[in-house]
Amino acid sequence: MSESVPPASVVLVSGGSRGLGLAIVTDLLAAGIKVAAFARTVTPELTALASKYPDHLYAGSVDINDSPAVQAFVKTVESTLGPVDGLVNNAAIGQDSLHVHTSPERLEDIIQTNLTAPLVLTRFVLRRMLAKGLKGRIVNVTSICAQRGYPGLVAYSATKGGMDAATRSLARELGGRVLANAVAPGFFASDMSAVLGQTQLDQIVRRTPTGHLTEPEDVVPVVRMLLLDNTNINGQVLVIDGAASI
């Protein structure tokens, strides 16, 4: 039962330097949670947060595909902030080409970054969490692309669908000791949705009952709830797209 899983106290956020990841980091810090964030590049915005919350934020420049570096970062986080009992898998790369025009090397990069690396990170964090006798929370950031088809996003959609499936199996496998859920945002007005073009984005807006594309501010409260609130939500993929996909 969810009552037996306390709120996360130290949350690790991958891809936490900009966009949704940065918004999640900012929100958790404001809630008094200790946060560790990493990305390939530490942005000025993340650096500013580290200065504002010197005792609650530990940030580093780490490529999620560099498993030894990621593991070293996690160990440093544990010695700096305490044991990690919350994980947000947010790091991902996009796709901007039709499948027939996407090179095998690019396919491998997308799958490695968006699916393999998060699963490896999750395994490492879980092993350390369970070895310490901790309970915890996992939130995987996936995408509406996992549930609906969009041209130019075949490999990206496949990886997000894989993370949705992994979320359900993790929840079952962990037996309630760790709550595993996912959030599936609709399209952001960002670089990752630029592949669709303005015409298709306008069409998405027109068929969205709320009348606008997804914003980080729409997603952040849901992530916070899954990490901190006393709920019985487990193994679920929560779609946040203003009902565009209905």
C-alpha atoms as a PDB file:
ATOM      1  CA  MET A   1       0.000   0.000   0.000  1.00  0.00           C
ATOM      2  CA  SER A   2       1.126   3.558  -0.680  1.00  0.00           C
ATOM      3  CA  GLU A   3       0.889   4.388   3.034  1.00  0.00           C
ATOM      4  CA  SER A   4       4.033   2.303   3.596  1.00  0.00           C
ATOM      5  CA  VAL A   5       6.091   4.312   1.093  1.00  0.00           C
ATOM      6  CA  PRO A   6       7.139   7.657   2.582  1.00  0.00           C
ATOM      7  CA  PRO A   7       7.667  10.786   0.498  1.00  0.00           C
ATOM      8  CA  ALA A   8      11.010  10.964  -1.267  1.00  0.00           C
ATOM      9  CA  SER A   9      13.582  13.023   0.602  1.00  0.00           C
ATOM     10  CA  VAL A  10      16.513  12.979  -1.862  1.00  0.00           C
ATOM     11  CA  VAL A  11      15.484  12.989  -5.516  1.00  0.00           C
ATOM     12  CA  LEU A  12      17.806  12.348  -8.452  1.00  0.00           C
ATOM     13  CA  VAL A  13      16.720  14.074 -11.693  1.00  0.00           C
ATOM     14  CA  SER A  14      18.377  13.227 -14.998  1.00  0.00           C
ATOM     15  CA  GLY A  15      18.295  15.883 -17.698  1.00  0.00           C
ATOM     16  CA  GLY A  16      17.710  18.503 -15.024  1.00  0.00           C
ATOM     17  CA  SER A  17      19.401  21.493 -16.602  1.00  0.00           C
ATOM     18  CA  ARG A  18      16.650  22.937 -18.795  1.00  0.00           C
ATOM     19  CA  GLY A  19      13.028  22.615 -19.868  1.00  0.00           C
ATOM     20  CA  LEU A  20      10.838  20.226 -17.922  1.00  0.00           C
ATOM     21  CA  GLY A  21      13.778  18.796 -15.979  1.00  0.00           C
ATOM     22  CA  LEU A  22      14.794  22.220 -14.693  1.00  0.00           C
ATOM     23  CA  ALA A  23      11.176  22.990 -13.799  1.00  0.00           C
ATOM     24  CA  ILE A  24      10.965  19.758 -11.782  1.00  0.00           C
ATOM     25  CA  VAL A  25      14.203  20.544  -9.963  1.00  0.00           C
ATOM     26  CA  THR A  26      13.022  24.083  -9.177  1.00  0.00           C
ATOM     27  CA  ASP A  27       9.670  22.875  -7.876  1.00  0.00           C
ATOM     28  CA  LEU A  28      11.152  20.188  -5.620  1.00  0.00           C
ATOM     29  CA  LEU A  29      13.645  22.625  -4.142  1.00  0.00           C
ATOM     30  CA  ALA A  30      10.826  25.063  -3.382  1.00  0.00           C
ATOM     31  CA  ALA A  31       9.074  22.199  -1.569  1.00  0.00           C
ATOM     32  CA  GLY A  32      12.124  21.707   0.645  1.00  0.00           C
ATOM     33  CA  ILE A  33      13.338  18.489  -0.994  1.00  0.00           C
ATOM     34  CA  LYS A  34      17.013  17.735  -1.519  1.00  0.00           C
ATOM     35  CA  VAL A  35      17.709  17.314  -5.221  1.00  0.00           C
ATOM     36  CA  ALA A  36      20.588  15.988  -7.296  1.00  0.00           C
ATOM     37  CA  ALA A  37      20.479  16.978 -10.959  1.00  0.00           C
ATOM     38  CA  PHE A  38      22.726  16.080 -13.827  1.00  0.00           C
ATOM     39  CA  ALA A  39      22.859  16.721 -17.556  1.00  0.00           C
ATOM     40  CA  ARG A  40      25.497  16.804 -20.249  1.00  0.00           C
ATOM     41  CA  THR A  41      25.749  20.560 -19.740  1.00  0.00           C
ATOM     42  CA  VAL A  42      25.126  22.437 -16.510  1.00  0.00           C
ATOM     43  CA  THR A  43      23.218  25.526 -17.623  1.00  0.00           C
ATOM     44  CA  PRO A  44      23.466  28.969 -15.988  1.00  0.00           C
ATOM     45  CA  GLU A  45      19.926  28.441 -14.686  1.00  0.00           C
ATOM     46  CA  LEU A  46      20.921  25.256 -12.854  1.00  0.00           C
ATOM     47  CA  THR A  47      24.067  26.915 -11.546  1.00  0.00           C
ATOM     48  CA  ALA A  48      21.960  29.769 -10.189  1.00  0.00           C
ATOM     49  CA  LEU A  49      19.723  27.283  -8.389  1.00  0.00           C
ATOM     50  CA  ALA A  50      22.778  25.621  -6.860  1.00  0.00           C
ATOM     51  CA  SER A  51      23.852  28.995  -5.502  1.00  0.00           C
ATOM     52  CA  LYS A  52      20.376  29.693  -4.141  1.00  0.00           C
ATOM     53  CA  TYR A  53      20.028  26.251  -2.518  1.00  0.00           C
ATOM     54  CA  PRO A  54      23.618  25.297  -1.594  1.00  0.00           C
ATOM     55  CA  ASP A  55      22.534  22.730   0.997  1.00  0.00           C
ATOM     56  CA  HIS A  56      19.723  21.192  -1.025  1.00  0.00           C
ATOM     57  CA  LEU A  57      20.988  20.957  -4.618  1.00  0.00           C
ATOM     58  CA  TYR A  58      23.930  19.030  -5.969  1.00  0.00           C
ATOM     59  CA  ALA A  59      24.431  19.443  -9.720  1.00  0.00           C
ATOM     60  CA  GLY A  60      26.902  17.918 -12.108  1.00  0.00           C
ATOM     61  CA  SER A  61      27.817  17.644 -15.773  1.00  0.00           C
ATOM     62  CA  VAL A  62      27.346  13.963 -16.624  1.00  0.00           C
ATOM     63  CA  ASP A  63      26.321  12.177 -19.815  1.00  0.00           C
ATOM     64  CA  ILE A  64      23.645   9.609 -18.977  1.00  0.00           C
ATOM     65  CA  ASN A  65      25.285   7.251 -21.478  1.00  0.00           C
ATOM     66  CA  ASP A  66      28.528   7.257 -19.444  1.00  0.00           C
ATOM     67  CA  SER A  67      27.506   4.636 -16.919  1.00  0.00           C
ATOM     68  CA  PRO A  68      30.663   4.789 -14.745  1.00  0.00           C
ATOM     69  CA  ALA A  69      30.366   8.579 -14.500  1.00  0.00           C
ATOM     70  CA  VAL A  70      26.664   8.345 -13.628  1.00  0.00           C
ATOM     71  CA  GLN A  71      27.358   5.777 -10.917  1.00  0.00           C
ATOM     72  CA  ALA A  72      30.154   7.910  -9.475  1.00  0.00           C
ATOM     73  CA  PHE A  73      27.769  10.878  -9.444  1.00  0.00           C
ATOM     74  CA  VAL A  74      25.132   8.896  -7.539  1.00  0.00           C
ATOM     75  CA  LYS A  75      27.679   7.826  -4.932  1.00  0.00           C
ATOM     76  CA  THR A  76      28.802  11.439  -4.483  1.00  0.00           C
ATOM     77  CA  VAL A  77      25.180  12.505  -4.107  1.00  0.00           C
ATOM     78  CA  GLU A  78      24.709   9.942  -1.351  1.00  0.00           C
ATOM     79  CA  SER A  79      27.703  11.266   0.566  1.00  0.00           C
ATOM     80  CA  THR A  80      26.633  14.876   0.010  1.00  0.00           C
ATOM     81  CA  LEU A  81      22.837  14.871   0.394  1.00  0.00           C
ATOM     82  CA  GLY A  82      22.016  11.420   1.731  1.00  0.00           C
ATOM     83  CA  PRO A  83      20.611   8.181   0.297  1.00  0.00           C
ATOM     84  CA  VAL A  84      18.606   8.596  -2.907  1.00  0.00           C
ATOM     85  CA  ASP A  85      15.002   7.485  -2.462  1.00  0.00           C
ATOM     86  CA  GLY A  86      13.474   9.264  -5.455  1.00  0.00           C
ATOM     87  CA  LEU A  87      14.347   9.074  -9.147  1.00  0.00           C
ATOM     88  CA  VAL A  88      13.032  11.076 -12.079  1.00  0.00           C
ATOM     89  CA  ASN A  89      14.127   9.654 -15.433  1.00  0.00           C
ATOM     90  CA  ASN A  90      13.826  12.742 -17.619  1.00  0.00           C
ATOM     91  CA  ALA A  91      16.936  12.792 -19.821  1.00  0.00           C
ATOM     92  CA  ALA A  92      16.159  12.112 -23.484  1.00  0.00           C
ATOM     93  CA  ILE A  93      17.025  13.137 -27.002  1.00  0.00           C
ATOM     94  CA  GLY A  94      14.535  13.841 -29.765  1.00  0.00           C
ATOM     95  CA  GLN A  95      14.159  12.795 -33.354  1.00  0.00           C
ATOM     96  CA  ASP A  96      13.690  14.977 -36.417  1.00  0.00           C
ATOM     97  CA  SER A  97      13.563  12.617 -39.386  1.00  0.00           C
ATOM     98  CA  LEU A  98      11.300  10.069 -41.002  1.00  0.00           C
ATOM     99  CA  HIS A  99      12.214   6.501 -40.125  1.00  0.00           C
ATOM    100  CA  VAL A 100      13.396   5.699 -43.648  1.00  0.00           C
ATOM    101  CA  HIS A 101      15.796   8.645 -43.443  1.00  0.00           C
ATOM    102  CA  THR A 102      17.121   7.911 -39.936  1.00  0.00           C
ATOM    103  CA  SER A 103      20.553   6.278 -39.936  1.00  0.00           C
ATOM    104  CA  PRO A 104      21.162   3.079 -37.966  1.00  0.00           C
ATOM    105  CA  GLU A 105      23.667   5.008 -35.876  1.00  0.00           C
ATOM    106  CA  ARG A 106      21.050   7.612 -34.963  1.00  0.00           C
ATOM    107  CA  LEU A 107      18.564   4.877 -34.091  1.00  0.00           C
ATOM    108  CA  GLU A 108      21.120   3.357 -31.742  1.00  0.00           C
ATOM    109  CA  ASP A 109      21.761   6.750 -30.121  1.00  0.00           C
ATOM    110  CA  ILE A 110      18.060   7.362 -29.492  1.00  0.00           C
ATOM    111  CA  ILE A 111      17.479   3.892 -28.046  1.00  0.00           C
ATOM    112  CA  GLN A 112      20.626   4.048 -25.907  1.00  0.00           C
ATOM    113  CA  THR A 113      19.868   7.494 -24.475  1.00  0.00           C
ATOM    114  CA  ASN A 114      16.105   7.223 -24.049  1.00  0.00           C
ATOM    115  CA  LEU A 115      15.666   3.586 -23.052  1.00  0.00           C
ATOM    116  CA  THR A 116      18.836   1.658 -22.234  1.00  0.00           C
ATOM    117  CA  ALA A 117      20.565   4.331 -20.145  1.00  0.00           C
ATOM    118  CA  PRO A 118      17.505   5.120 -17.978  1.00  0.00           C
ATOM    119  CA  LEU A 119      16.968   1.410 -17.318  1.00  0.00           C
ATOM    120  CA  VAL A 120      20.629   1.015 -16.317  1.00  0.00           C
ATOM    121  CA  LEU A 121      20.386   4.062 -14.036  1.00  0.00           C
ATOM    122  CA  THR A 122      17.162   2.764 -12.496  1.00  0.00           C
ATOM    123  CA  ARG A 123      18.778  -0.609 -11.812  1.00  0.00           C
ATOM    124  CA  PHE A 124      21.761   1.024 -10.110  1.00  0.00           C
ATOM    125  CA  VAL A 125      19.637   3.334  -7.942  1.00  0.00           C
ATOM    126  CA  LEU A 126      17.227   0.551  -6.995  1.00  0.00           C
ATOM    127  CA  ARG A 127      19.997  -1.827  -5.994  1.00  0.00           C
ATOM    128  CA  ARG A 128      21.483   0.758  -3.648  1.00  0.00           C
ATOM    129  CA  MET A 129      18.077   1.808  -2.351  1.00  0.00           C
ATOM    130  CA  LEU A 130      16.975  -1.728  -1.550  1.00  0.00           C
ATOM    131  CA  ALA A 131      20.367  -2.682  -0.071  1.00  0.00           C
ATOM    132  CA  LYS A 132      19.892   0.131   2.442  1.00  0.00           C
ATOM    133  CA  GLY A 133      16.414  -1.100   3.307  1.00  0.00           C
ATOM    134  CA  LEU A 134      14.801   2.010   1.847  1.00  0.00           C
ATOM    135  CA  LYS A 135      11.477   2.466   0.142  1.00  0.00           C
ATOM    136  CA  GLY A 136      11.170   4.958  -2.655  1.00  0.00           C
ATOM    137  CA  ARG A 137       9.517   6.520  -5.669  1.00  0.00           C
ATOM    138  CA  ILE A 138      10.315   6.426  -9.392  1.00  0.00           C
ATOM    139  CA  VAL A 139       8.814   8.741 -11.990  1.00  0.00           C
ATOM    140  CA  ASN A 140       9.586   8.120 -15.652  1.00  0.00           C
ATOM    141  CA  VAL A 141       8.979  11.004 -18.029  1.00  0.00           C
ATOM    142  CA  THR A 142       7.632   9.466 -21.215  1.00  0.00           C
ATOM    143  CA  SER A 143       5.448  11.010 -23.911  1.00  0.00           C
ATOM    144  CA  ILE A 144       2.076  10.946 -25.600  1.00  0.00           C
ATOM    145  CA  CYS A 145       4.101   9.700 -28.590  1.00  0.00           C
ATOM    146  CA  ALA A 146       4.150   6.289 -26.918  1.00  0.00           C
ATOM    147  CA  GLN A 147       0.371   6.053 -27.305  1.00  0.00           C
ATOM    148  CA  ARG A 148      -0.318   7.900 -30.553  1.00  0.00           C
ATOM    149  CA  GLY A 149       1.480   7.866 -33.872  1.00  0.00           C
ATOM    150  CA  TYR A 150       3.335  10.881 -35.227  1.00  0.00           C
ATOM    151  CA  PRO A 151       5.498  11.023 -38.369  1.00  0.00           C
ATOM    152  CA  GLY A 152       9.191  11.621 -37.825  1.00  0.00           C
ATOM    153  CA  LEU A 153       9.163  10.183 -34.300  1.00  0.00           C
ATOM    154  CA  VAL A 154       9.244   6.412 -34.801  1.00  0.00           C
ATOM    155  CA  ALA A 155      12.353   5.599 -32.742  1.00  0.00           C
ATOM    156  CA  TYR A 156      11.576   8.253 -30.138  1.00  0.00           C
ATOM    157  CA  SER A 157       8.058   6.861 -29.727  1.00  0.00           C
ATOM    158  CA  ALA A 158       9.412   3.329 -29.426  1.00  0.00           C
ATOM    159  CA  THR A 159      11.712   4.298 -26.570  1.00  0.00           C
ATOM    160  CA  LYS A 160       8.957   6.113 -24.700  1.00  0.00           C
ATOM    161  CA  GLY A 161       6.634   3.158 -25.158  1.00  0.00           C
ATOM    162  CA  GLY A 162       9.395   0.978 -23.756  1.00  0.00           C
ATOM    163  CA  MET A 163       9.626   3.164 -20.655  1.00  0.00           C
ATOM    164  CA  ASP A 164       5.837   3.003 -20.215  1.00  0.00           C
ATOM    165  CA  ALA A 165       6.017  -0.794 -20.288  1.00  0.00           C
ATOM    166  CA  ALA A 166       8.992  -0.828 -17.928  1.00  0.00           C
ATOM    167  CA  THR A 167       7.045   1.341 -15.486  1.00  0.00           C
ATOM    168  CA  ARG A 168       4.247  -1.195 -15.240  1.00  0.00           C
ATOM    169  CA  SER A 169       6.619  -4.131 -14.832  1.00  0.00           C
ATOM    170  CA  LEU A 170       8.720  -2.309 -12.231  1.00  0.00           C
ATOM    171  CA  ALA A 171       5.634  -1.593 -10.157  1.00  0.00           C
ATOM    172  CA  ARG A 172       4.706  -5.284 -10.220  1.00  0.00           C
ATOM    173  CA  GLU A 173       8.270  -6.501  -9.648  1.00  0.00           C
ATOM    174  CA  LEU A 174       8.972  -4.200  -6.697  1.00  0.00           C
ATOM    175  CA  GLY A 175       5.866  -5.304  -4.834  1.00  0.00           C
ATOM    176  CA  GLY A 176       4.949  -1.944  -3.354  1.00  0.00           C
ATOM    177  CA  ARG A 177       8.340  -1.254  -1.787  1.00  0.00           C
ATOM    178  CA  VAL A 178       8.968   1.335  -4.515  1.00  0.00           C
ATOM    179  CA  LEU A 179       6.155   3.164  -6.297  1.00  0.00           C
ATOM    180  CA  ALA A 180       6.891   3.352 -10.020  1.00  0.00           C
ATOM    181  CA  ASN A 181       4.839   5.621 -12.269  1.00  0.00           C
ATOM    182  CA  ALA A 182       5.208   7.637 -15.440  1.00  0.00           C
ATOM    183  CA  VAL A 183       3.985  10.968 -16.729  1.00  0.00           C
ATOM    184  CA  ALA A 184       3.281  11.238 -20.440  1.00  0.00           C
ATOM    185  CA  PRO A 185       3.157  14.903 -21.449  1.00  0.00           C
ATOM    186  CA  GLY A 186       1.637  16.087 -24.685  1.00  0.00           C
ATOM    187  CA  PHE A 187       3.674  18.208 -27.047  1.00  0.00           C
ATOM    188  CA  PHE A 188       5.607  21.118 -25.619  1.00  0.00           C
ATOM    189  CA  ALA A 189       6.149  24.252 -27.673  1.00  0.00           C
ATOM    190  CA  SER A 190       9.847  23.447 -27.672  1.00  0.00           C
ATOM    191  CA  ASP A 191      12.687  22.253 -29.844  1.00  0.00           C
ATOM    192  CA  MET A 192      11.624  18.624 -29.389  1.00  0.00           C
ATOM    193  CA  SER A 193       8.287  19.322 -31.077  1.00  0.00           C
ATOM    194  CA  ALA A 194       9.764  21.414 -33.892  1.00  0.00           C
ATOM    195  CA  VAL A 195       9.896  18.301 -36.087  1.00  0.00           C
ATOM    196  CA  LEU A 196       6.107  18.420 -36.442  1.00  0.00           C
ATOM    197  CA  GLY A 197       6.047  21.840 -38.030  1.00  0.00           C
ATOM    198  CA  GLN A 198       3.727  24.707 -37.203  1.00  0.00           C
ATOM    199  CA  THR A 199       0.826  23.328 -39.239  1.00  0.00           C
ATOM    200  CA  GLN A 200       0.645  20.059 -37.303  1.00  0.00           C
ATOM    201  CA  LEU A 201       1.189  21.864 -33.982  1.00  0.00           C
ATOM    202  CA  ASP A 202      -1.728  24.161 -34.835  1.00  0.00           C
ATOM    203  CA  GLN A 203      -3.856  21.097 -35.567  1.00  0.00           C
ATOM    204  CA  ILE A 204      -2.962  19.624 -32.182  1.00  0.00           C
ATOM    205  CA  VAL A 205      -3.952  22.864 -30.468  1.00  0.00           C
ATOM    206  CA  ARG A 206      -7.290  22.956 -32.319  1.00  0.00           C
ATOM    207  CA  ARG A 207      -8.219  19.434 -31.199  1.00  0.00           C
ATOM    208  CA  THR A 208      -7.111  20.006 -27.603  1.00  0.00           C
ATOM    209  CA  PRO A 209     -10.118  20.856 -25.404  1.00  0.00           C
ATOM    210  CA  THR A 210      -8.004  23.078 -23.157  1.00  0.00           C
ATOM    211  CA  GLY A 211      -6.814  24.989 -26.221  1.00  0.00           C
ATOM    212  CA  HIS A 212      -3.064  24.994 -25.667  1.00  0.00           C
ATOM    213  CA  LEU A 213       0.029  22.822 -25.918  1.00  0.00           C
ATOM    214  CA  THR A 214       1.458  21.267 -22.769  1.00  0.00           C
ATOM    215  CA  GLU A 215       3.647  23.478 -20.582  1.00  0.00           C
ATOM    216  CA  PRO A 216       6.146  22.333 -17.924  1.00  0.00           C
ATOM    217  CA  GLU A 217       3.881  23.994 -15.354  1.00  0.00           C
ATOM    218  CA  ASP A 218       1.168  21.485 -16.277  1.00  0.00           C
ATOM    219  CA  VAL A 219       3.411  18.501 -15.577  1.00  0.00           C
ATOM    220  CA  VAL A 220       5.381  19.600 -12.505  1.00  0.00           C
ATOM    221  CA  PRO A 221       2.502  19.275  -9.980  1.00  0.00           C
ATOM    222  CA  VAL A 222       1.840  15.710 -11.109  1.00  0.00           C
ATOM    223  CA  VAL A 223       5.498  14.734 -10.725  1.00  0.00           C
ATOM    224  CA  ARG A 224       5.531  16.331  -7.277  1.00  0.00           C
ATOM    225  CA  MET A 225       2.429  14.374  -6.283  1.00  0.00           C
ATOM    226  CA  LEU A 226       3.930  11.067  -7.397  1.00  0.00           C
ATOM    227  CA  LEU A 227       7.129  11.755  -5.465  1.00  0.00           C
ATOM    228  CA  LEU A 228       5.751  13.285  -2.300  1.00  0.00           C
ATOM    229  CA  ASP A 229       2.062  12.637  -1.741  1.00  0.00           C
ATOM    230  CA  ASN A 230       0.464   9.715   0.068  1.00  0.00           C
ATOM    231  CA  THR A 231      -1.365   8.032  -2.790  1.00  0.00           C
ATOM    232  CA  ASN A 232      -2.025   4.483  -3.924  1.00  0.00           C
ATOM    233  CA  ILE A 233      -0.975   5.289  -7.491  1.00  0.00           C
ATOM    234  CA  ASN A 234       1.458   2.677  -8.772  1.00  0.00           C
ATOM    235  CA  GLY A 235       2.348   1.320 -12.198  1.00  0.00           C
ATOM    236  CA  GLN A 236       0.399   4.042 -13.989  1.00  0.00           C
ATOM    237  CA  VAL A 237       1.124   6.278 -16.961  1.00  0.00           C
ATOM    238  CA  LEU A 238      -0.571   9.628 -16.371  1.00  0.00           C
ATOM    239  CA  VAL A 239      -1.243  11.499 -19.609  1.00  0.00           C
ATOM    240  CA  ILE A 240      -1.000  15.278 -19.366  1.00  0.00           C
ATOM    241  CA  ASP A 241      -2.104  16.733 -22.689  1.00  0.00           C
ATOM    242  CA  GLY A 242      -5.364  18.603 -22.134  1.00  0.00           C
ATOM    243  CA  ALA A 243      -7.298  15.643 -23.603  1.00  0.00           C
ATOM    244  CA  ALA A 244      -5.753  16.115 -27.046  1.00  0.00           C
ATOM    245  CA  SER A 245      -5.271  12.367 -27.362  1.00  0.00           C
ATOM    246  CA  ILE A 246      -8.827  11.397 -26.519  1.00  0.00           C
END
